[in-house]
C-alpha atoms as a PDB file:
ATOM      1  CA  UNK A   1     162.030 -83.594-198.175  1.00  0.00           C
ATOM      2  CA  UNK A   2     162.013 -80.615-200.518  1.00  0.00           C
ATOM      3  CA  UNK A   3     158.973 -82.013-202.339  1.00  0.00           C
ATOM      4  CA  UNK A   4     156.826 -82.277-199.220  1.00  0.00           C
ATOM      5  CA  UNK A   5     153.714 -80.105-199.061  1.00  0.00           C
ATOM      6  CA  UNK A   6     154.798 -79.040-195.552  1.00  0.00           C
ATOM      7  CA  UNK A   7     158.555 -79.363-195.416  1.00  0.00           C
ATOM      8  CA  UNK A   8     158.723 -79.955-191.650  1.00  0.00           C
ATOM      9  CA  UNK A   9     156.279 -82.903-191.752  1.00  0.00           C
ATOM     10  CA  UNK A  10     156.478 -86.211-193.565  1.00  0.00           C
ATOM     11  CA  UNK A  11     153.509 -87.465-195.551  1.00  0.00           C
ATOM     12  CA  UNK A  12     153.033 -90.136-192.869  1.00  0.00           C
ATOM     13  CA  UNK A  13     152.870 -87.500-190.148  1.00  0.00           C
ATOM     14  CA  UNK A  14     150.279 -85.534-192.117  1.00  0.00           C
ATOM     15  CA  UNK A  15     148.215 -88.703-192.650  1.00  0.00           C
ATOM     16  CA  UNK A  16     148.428 -89.559-188.952  1.00  0.00           C
ATOM     17  CA  UNK A  17     147.274 -86.077-187.939  1.00  0.00           C
ATOM     18  CA  UNK A  18     144.364 -86.250-190.370  1.00  0.00           C
ATOM     19  CA  UNK A  19     143.406 -89.668-188.977  1.00  0.00           C
ATOM     20  CA  UNK A  20     143.387 -88.322-185.416  1.00  0.00           C
ATOM     21  CA  UNK A  21     146.204 -90.613-184.294  1.00  0.00           C
ATOM     22  CA  UNK A  22     148.080 -89.915-181.085  1.00  0.00           C
ATOM     23  CA  UNK A  23     151.586 -89.769-182.553  1.00  0.00           C
ATOM     24  CA  UNK A  24     153.094 -90.164-179.055  1.00  0.00           C
ATOM     25  CA  UNK A  25     151.515 -86.877-177.937  1.00  0.00           C
ATOM     26  CA  UNK A  26     150.072 -88.509-174.825  1.00  0.00           C
ATOM     27  CA  UNK A  27     153.143 -90.398-173.630  1.00  0.00           C
ATOM     28  CA  UNK A  28     153.213 -88.384-170.399  1.00  0.00           C
ATOM     29  CA  UNK A  29     149.846 -89.947-169.575  1.00  0.00           C
ATOM     30  CA  UNK A  30     150.305 -93.342-171.209  1.00  0.00           C
ATOM     31  CA  UNK A  31     153.598 -94.152-169.514  1.00  0.00           C
ATOM     32  CA  UNK A  32     152.383 -92.972-166.123  1.00  0.00           C
ATOM     33  CA  UNK A  33     149.330 -95.208-165.881  1.00  0.00           C
ATOM     34  CA  UNK A  34     146.627 -93.308-167.759  1.00  0.00           C
ATOM     35  CA  UNK A  35     145.270 -95.608-170.489  1.00  0.00           C
ATOM     36  CA  UNK A  36     144.337 -94.376-173.930  1.00  0.00           C
ATOM     37  CA  UNK A  37     140.861 -95.140-175.268  1.00  0.00           C
ATOM     38  CA  UNK A  38     142.016 -96.724-178.530  1.00  0.00           C
ATOM     39  CA  UNK A  39     144.450 -99.044-176.774  1.00  0.00           C
ATOM     40  CA  UNK A  40     141.787 -99.941-174.214  1.00  0.00           C
ATOM     41  CA  UNK A  41     139.505-100.994-177.062  1.00  0.00           C
ATOM     42  CA  UNK A  42     142.305-103.122-178.522  1.00  0.00           C
ATOM     43  CA  UNK A  43     142.575-104.876-175.155  1.00  0.00           C
ATOM     44  CA  UNK A  44     138.849-104.895-174.320  1.00  0.00           C
ATOM     45  CA  UNK A  45     138.550-108.676-173.960  1.00  0.00           C
ATOM     46  CA  UNK A  46     141.702-109.030-171.886  1.00  0.00           C
ATOM     47  CA  UNK A  47     140.607-106.172-169.639  1.00  0.00           C
ATOM     48  CA  UNK A  48     137.163-107.752-169.215  1.00  0.00           C
ATOM     49  CA  UNK A  49     135.353-104.523-169.995  1.00  0.00           C
ATOM     50  CA  UNK A  50     131.688-104.477-169.132  1.00  0.00           C
ATOM     51  CA  UNK A  51     129.262-103.491-171.880  1.00  0.00           C
ATOM     52  CA  UNK A  52     128.884-100.089-170.269  1.00  0.00           C
ATOM     53  CA  UNK A  53     132.665 -99.598-170.088  1.00  0.00           C
ATOM     54  CA  UNK A  54     133.127-100.635-173.694  1.00  0.00           C
ATOM     55  CA  UNK A  55     130.327 -98.317-174.813  1.00  0.00           C
ATOM     56  CA  UNK A  56     131.803 -95.362-172.903  1.00  0.00           C
ATOM     57  CA  UNK A  57     135.296 -96.144-174.211  1.00  0.00           C
ATOM     58  CA  UNK A  58     133.991 -96.216-177.787  1.00  0.00           C
ATOM     59  CA  UNK A  59     132.337 -92.845-177.212  1.00  0.00           C
ATOM     60  CA  UNK A  60     135.554 -91.392-175.811  1.00  0.00           C
ATOM     61  CA  UNK A  61     137.650 -92.820-178.654  1.00  0.00           C
ATOM     62  CA  UNK A  62     135.303 -91.377-181.279  1.00  0.00           C
ATOM     63  CA  UNK A  63     135.193 -87.981-179.575  1.00  0.00           C
ATOM     64  CA  UNK A  64     138.976 -87.953-179.182  1.00  0.00           C
ATOM     65  CA  UNK A  65     139.543 -88.702-182.845  1.00  0.00           C
ATOM     66  CA  UNK A  66     136.999 -86.114-183.960  1.00  0.00           C
ATOM     67  CA  UNK A  67     138.533 -83.430-181.766  1.00  0.00           C
ATOM     68  CA  UNK A  68     142.082 -84.435-182.719  1.00  0.00           C
ATOM     69  CA  UNK A  69     141.259 -84.303-186.424  1.00  0.00           C
ATOM     70  CA  UNK A  70     139.803 -80.797-186.135  1.00  0.00           C
ATOM     71  CA  UNK A  71     142.679 -79.430-184.076  1.00  0.00           C
ATOM     72  CA  UNK A  72     145.153 -81.350-186.224  1.00  0.00           C
ATOM     73  CA  UNK A  73     143.880 -79.559-189.313  1.00  0.00           C
ATOM     74  CA  UNK A  74     144.480 -76.252-187.543  1.00  0.00           C
ATOM     75  CA  UNK A  75     148.024 -77.327-186.732  1.00  0.00           C
ATOM     76  CA  UNK A  76     148.652 -78.444-190.317  1.00  0.00           C
ATOM     77  CA  UNK A  77     147.331 -75.122-191.611  1.00  0.00           C
ATOM     78  CA  UNK A  78     149.628 -73.236-189.231  1.00  0.00           C
ATOM     79  CA  UNK A  79     152.626 -75.335-190.289  1.00  0.00           C
ATOM     80  CA  UNK A  80     151.750 -74.746-193.952  1.00  0.00           C
ATOM     81  CA  UNK A  81     151.574 -70.987-193.337  1.00  0.00           C
ATOM     82  CA  UNK A  82     155.022 -71.058-191.719  1.00  0.00           C
ATOM     83  CA  UNK A  83     156.349 -73.067-194.643  1.00  0.00           C
ATOM     84  CA  UNK A  84     154.856 -70.555-197.103  1.00  0.00           C
ATOM     85  CA  UNK A  85     156.673 -67.658-195.448  1.00  0.00           C
ATOM     86  CA  UNK A  86     159.964 -69.250-196.374  1.00  0.00           C
ATOM     87  CA  UNK A  87     158.835 -70.645-199.729  1.00  0.00           C
ATOM     88  CA  UNK A  88     157.581 -67.216-200.830  1.00  0.00           C
ATOM     89  CA  UNK A  89     160.647 -65.497-199.413  1.00  0.00           C
ATOM     90  CA  UNK A  90     158.461 -63.289-197.221  1.00  0.00           C
ATOM     91  CA  UNK A  91     159.888 -64.518-193.905  1.00  0.00           C
ATOM     92  CA  UNK A  92     160.896 -61.787-191.496  1.00  0.00           C
ATOM     93  CA  UNK A  93     161.656 -62.056-187.778  1.00  0.00           C
ATOM     94  CA  UNK A  94     158.229 -60.800-186.697  1.00  0.00           C
ATOM     95  CA  UNK A  95     156.205 -62.882-189.177  1.00  0.00           C
ATOM     96  CA  UNK A  96     158.218 -66.005-188.405  1.00  0.00           C
ATOM     97  CA  UNK A  97     157.773 -65.472-184.656  1.00  0.00           C
ATOM     98  CA  UNK A  98     154.009 -65.097-185.083  1.00  0.00           C
ATOM     99  CA  UNK A  99     153.739 -68.120-187.369  1.00  0.00           C
ATOM    100  CA  UNK A 100     155.793 -70.284-185.014  1.00  0.00           C
ATOM    101  CA  UNK A 101     153.687 -69.215-182.032  1.00  0.00           C
ATOM    102  CA  UNK A 102     150.478 -69.969-183.934  1.00  0.00           C
ATOM    103  CA  UNK A 103     151.736 -73.450-184.914  1.00  0.00           C
ATOM    104  CA  UNK A 104     153.002 -74.152-181.390  1.00  0.00           C
ATOM    105  CA  UNK A 105     149.666 -73.168-179.853  1.00  0.00           C
ATOM    106  CA  UNK A 106     147.771 -75.454-182.239  1.00  0.00           C
ATOM    107  CA  UNK A 107     150.183 -78.302-181.514  1.00  0.00           C
ATOM    108  CA  UNK A 108     149.749 -77.708-177.783  1.00  0.00           C
ATOM    109  CA  UNK A 109     145.957 -77.852-178.121  1.00  0.00           C
ATOM    110  CA  UNK A 110     146.309 -81.120-180.038  1.00  0.00           C
ATOM    111  CA  UNK A 111     148.495 -82.623-177.347  1.00  0.00           C
ATOM    112  CA  UNK A 112     146.186 -81.424-174.580  1.00  0.00           C
ATOM    113  CA  UNK A 113     143.211 -83.018-176.322  1.00  0.00           C
ATOM    114  CA  UNK A 114     144.900 -86.420-176.444  1.00  0.00           C
ATOM    115  CA  UNK A 115     146.001 -86.139-172.810  1.00  0.00           C
ATOM    116  CA  UNK A 116     142.503 -85.157-171.716  1.00  0.00           C
ATOM    117  CA  UNK A 117     141.043 -88.403-173.078  1.00  0.00           C
ATOM    118  CA  UNK A 118     143.660 -90.455-171.247  1.00  0.00           C
ATOM    119  CA  UNK A 119     142.528 -88.724-168.056  1.00  0.00           C
ATOM    120  CA  UNK A 120     138.911 -89.513-168.834  1.00  0.00           C
ATOM    121  CA  UNK A 121     139.699 -93.223-169.215  1.00  0.00           C
ATOM    122  CA  UNK A 122     140.601 -93.390-165.533  1.00  0.00           C
ATOM    123  CA  UNK A 123     136.942 -92.556-164.828  1.00  0.00           C
ATOM    124  CA  UNK A 124     135.843 -95.559-166.906  1.00  0.00           C
ATOM    125  CA  UNK A 125     138.240 -98.281-165.762  1.00  0.00           C
ATOM    126  CA  UNK A 126     138.728 -99.614-162.275  1.00  0.00           C
ATOM    127  CA  UNK A 127     142.096 -99.840-160.519  1.00  0.00           C
ATOM    128  CA  UNK A 128     142.566-103.514-161.426  1.00  0.00           C
ATOM    129  CA  UNK A 129     141.849-102.858-165.097  1.00  0.00           C
ATOM    130  CA  UNK A 130     144.316 -99.988-165.185  1.00  0.00           C
ATOM    131  CA  UNK A 131     146.981-102.209-163.602  1.00  0.00           C
ATOM    132  CA  UNK A 132     146.195-104.950-166.147  1.00  0.00           C
ATOM    133  CA  UNK A 133     146.368-102.403-168.983  1.00  0.00           C
ATOM    134  CA  UNK A 134     149.820-101.315-167.850  1.00  0.00           C
ATOM    135  CA  UNK A 135     151.027-104.916-167.652  1.00  0.00           C
ATOM    136  CA  UNK A 136     149.555-105.798-171.054  1.00  0.00           C
ATOM    137  CA  UNK A 137     151.175-102.746-172.628  1.00  0.00           C
ATOM    138  CA  UNK A 138     154.504-103.732-171.028  1.00  0.00           C
ATOM    139  CA  UNK A 139     154.818-100.775-168.667  1.00  0.00           C
ATOM    140  CA  UNK A 140     154.881-102.598-165.304  1.00  0.00           C
END
């Protein structure tokens, strides 16, 4: 772990953030019946999406990943800044507090972005498709 660019994050986590992956940030939505756009696309045939639904879901998935990548980079930068405080031996209570708050705010924005797209999927799918999604994902 000492050789990591950002000590608090594995290389896999950094790659996932840069790819715009959800990294379980939207579990509050996912496990309570709010489908995620990428998983909906994986199940498109089994959910019998119309062309319009599939098109809208693709748009949402692309927008989600674009937004998540941008915010994710902000979070990574904030985590790197926190790491640098300790690496450079310049950490002090006030600077650490500020750096932690900055990283936490970026992480919160990232989580909110993922959750927002789960909410938007409920505008695309009908009640039966959402129920089928939950069954297919093993939730109900």
